[in-house]
C-alpha atoms as a PDB file:
ATOM      1  CA  MET A   1      79.927  95.757  98.752  1.00  0.00           C
ATOM      2  CA  THR A   2      81.536  98.448 100.866  1.00  0.00           C
ATOM      3  CA  ALA A   3      80.177 101.980 100.470  1.00  0.00           C
ATOM      4  CA  LYS A   4      82.315 105.043  99.896  1.00  0.00           C
ATOM      5  CA  LEU A   5      82.279 107.454 102.838  1.00  0.00           C
ATOM      6  CA  ALA A   6      80.559 110.798 102.232  1.00  0.00           C
ATOM      7  CA  GLY A   7      79.393 113.864 104.120  1.00  0.00           C
ATOM      8  CA  LYS A   8      79.679 113.983 107.895  1.00  0.00           C
ATOM      9  CA  ALA A   9      80.616 110.296 108.157  1.00  0.00           C
ATOM     10  CA  ARG A  10      83.615 110.966 105.911  1.00  0.00           C
ATOM     11  CA  SER A  11      84.734 114.141 107.670  1.00  0.00           C
ATOM     12  CA  ASP A  12      84.394 112.505 111.101  1.00  0.00           C
ATOM     13  CA  ALA A  13      86.310 109.411 109.977  1.00  0.00           C
ATOM     14  CA  LEU A  14      89.145 111.418 108.430  1.00  0.00           C
ATOM     15  CA  ALA A  15      89.348 113.689 111.484  1.00  0.00           C
ATOM     16  CA  SER A  16      90.108 110.580 113.564  1.00  0.00           C
ATOM     17  CA  LEU A  17      93.209 109.918 111.421  1.00  0.00           C
ATOM     18  CA  LYS A  18      95.527 112.742 112.471  1.00  0.00           C
ATOM     19  CA  GLU A  19      98.571 111.803 110.357  1.00  0.00           C
ATOM     20  CA  TRP A  20      96.709 110.747 107.211  1.00  0.00           C
ATOM     21  CA  LYS A  21      96.167 113.244 104.396  1.00  0.00           C
ATOM     22  CA  GLU A  22      93.823 113.238 101.439  1.00  0.00           C
ATOM     23  CA  VAL A  23      95.473 112.559  98.072  1.00  0.00           C
ATOM     24  CA  PRO A  24      94.961 115.510  95.715  1.00  0.00           C
ATOM     25  CA  GLY A  25      92.913 114.607  92.638  1.00  0.00           C
ATOM     26  CA  ARG A  26      91.938 111.215  93.985  1.00  0.00           C
ATOM     27  CA  ASP A  27      89.547 109.785  96.582  1.00  0.00           C
ATOM     28  CA  ALA A  28      92.270 108.232  98.741  1.00  0.00           C
ATOM     29  CA  ILE A  29      94.309 108.894 101.882  1.00  0.00           C
ATOM     30  CA  ARG A  30      98.056 108.641 102.368  1.00  0.00           C
ATOM     31  CA  ARG A  31     100.679 108.646 105.064  1.00  0.00           C
ATOM     32  CA  SER A  32     104.473 108.565 105.063  1.00  0.00           C
ATOM     33  CA  PHE A  33     106.505 106.686 107.645  1.00  0.00           C
ATOM     34  CA  LYS A  34     110.218 107.128 108.369  1.00  0.00           C
ATOM     35  CA  PHE A  35     112.222 104.477 110.195  1.00  0.00           C
ATOM     36  CA  ALA A  36     115.810 104.234 111.410  1.00  0.00           C
ATOM     37  CA  ASP A  37     116.826 101.887 108.592  1.00  0.00           C
ATOM     38  CA  PHE A  38     115.644  99.472 105.934  1.00  0.00           C
ATOM     39  CA  ASN A  39     115.290  96.588 108.378  1.00  0.00           C
ATOM     40  CA  GLN A  40     112.811  98.496 110.550  1.00  0.00           C
ATOM     41  CA  ALA A  41     110.872  99.699 107.501  1.00  0.00           C
ATOM     42  CA  TRP A  42     110.667  96.181 106.093  1.00  0.00           C
ATOM     43  CA  GLY A  43     109.573  94.756 109.450  1.00  0.00           C
ATOM     44  CA  PHE A  44     106.799  97.356 109.610  1.00  0.00           C
ATOM     45  CA  MET A  45     105.686  96.478 106.088  1.00  0.00           C
ATOM     46  CA  THR A  46     105.589  92.809 107.028  1.00  0.00           C
ATOM     47  CA  ARG A  47     103.342  93.516 110.018  1.00  0.00           C
ATOM     48  CA  VAL A  48     101.070  95.681 107.848  1.00  0.00           C
ATOM     49  CA  ALA A  49     100.943  92.994 105.147  1.00  0.00           C
ATOM     50  CA  LEU A  50      99.765  90.391 107.661  1.00  0.00           C
ATOM     51  CA  ALA A  51      97.076  92.734 109.030  1.00  0.00           C
ATOM     52  CA  ALA A  52      95.970  93.711 105.518  1.00  0.00           C
ATOM     53  CA  GLU A  53      95.691  90.095 104.432  1.00  0.00           C
ATOM     54  CA  LYS A  54      93.642  89.268 107.517  1.00  0.00           C
ATOM     55  CA  ALA A  55      91.310  92.189 106.732  1.00  0.00           C
ATOM     56  CA  ASP A  56      91.260  91.265 103.018  1.00  0.00           C
ATOM     57  CA  HIS A  57      92.040  94.908 102.243  1.00  0.00           C
ATOM     58  CA  HIS A  58      95.392  95.723 100.709  1.00  0.00           C
ATOM     59  CA  PRO A  59      97.310  99.018 100.586  1.00  0.00           C
ATOM     60  CA  GLU A  60      99.133 100.650  97.734  1.00  0.00           C
ATOM     61  CA  TRP A  61     102.631 101.289  98.991  1.00  0.00           C
ATOM     62  CA  SER A  62     106.249 101.909  98.226  1.00  0.00           C
ATOM     63  CA  ASN A  63     109.480 101.584 100.144  1.00  0.00           C
ATOM     64  CA  VAL A  64     112.783 103.347  99.623  1.00  0.00           C
ATOM     65  CA  TYR A  65     115.359 102.408 102.251  1.00  0.00           C
ATOM     66  CA  SER A  66     113.857 103.677 105.533  1.00  0.00           C
ATOM     67  CA  LYS A  67     110.772 105.416 104.114  1.00  0.00           C
ATOM     68  CA  VAL A  68     107.387 103.768 103.541  1.00  0.00           C
ATOM     69  CA  GLU A  69     104.558 105.513 101.681  1.00  0.00           C
ATOM     70  CA  ILE A  70     101.051 104.075 102.027  1.00  0.00           C
ATOM     71  CA  VAL A  71      97.911 104.992 100.070  1.00  0.00           C
ATOM     72  CA  LEU A  72      94.501 103.602 100.987  1.00  0.00           C
ATOM     73  CA  SER A  73      91.359 103.594  98.844  1.00  0.00           C
ATOM     74  CA  THR A  74      88.639 100.997  98.417  1.00  0.00           C
ATOM     75  CA  HIS A  75      88.653 100.395  94.678  1.00  0.00           C
ATOM     76  CA  ASP A  76      85.285  98.628  94.449  1.00  0.00           C
ATOM     77  CA  ALA A  77      83.691 101.510  96.420  1.00  0.00           C
ATOM     78  CA  GLY A  78      85.334 104.156  94.261  1.00  0.00           C
ATOM     79  CA  GLY A  79      87.076 105.896  97.157  1.00  0.00           C
ATOM     80  CA  VAL A  80      87.695 106.006 100.882  1.00  0.00           C
ATOM     81  CA  SER A  81      85.515 103.622 102.897  1.00  0.00           C
ATOM     82  CA  ASP A  82      85.271 102.311 106.453  1.00  0.00           C
ATOM     83  CA  LYS A  83      87.740  99.593 105.396  1.00  0.00           C
ATOM     84  CA  ASP A  84      90.395 102.239 104.750  1.00  0.00           C
ATOM     85  CA  VAL A  85      89.763 103.981 108.062  1.00  0.00           C
ATOM     86  CA  ALA A  86      89.962 100.691 109.954  1.00  0.00           C
ATOM     87  CA  LEU A  87      93.174  99.643 108.192  1.00  0.00           C
ATOM     88  CA  ALA A  88      94.723 103.102 108.723  1.00  0.00           C
ATOM     89  CA  LYS A  89      94.093 102.758 112.462  1.00  0.00           C
ATOM     90  CA  VAL A  90      95.716  99.321 112.493  1.00  0.00           C
ATOM     91  CA  ILE A  91      98.686 100.678 110.532  1.00  0.00           C
ATOM     92  CA  ASP A  92      99.038 103.548 113.005  1.00  0.00           C
ATOM     93  CA  SER A  93      99.105 101.061 115.876  1.00  0.00           C
ATOM     94  CA  LEU A  94     101.886  99.094 114.155  1.00  0.00           C
ATOM     95  CA  ALA A  95     104.106 102.103 113.406  1.00  0.00           C
END
């Protein structure tokens, strides 16, 4: 089972994710992405979906036209874990 990040490990991990923000009232992180159009947003989501499936760690997300909202939290850990940090870095590289 993956452990929830806490203390210095958590603050260091979140500091490495410049564009990601903590979700108020919840142990999760989020980021918004804006693309030129729906096609680019959908292509990005497809790339993220393939990476998430490979990592066996799946985001919560929504898409409205050219905007994609992603929330990451490891449900069986009860909050943000190393899995979320790793997937956030992959997502950043795909954006």
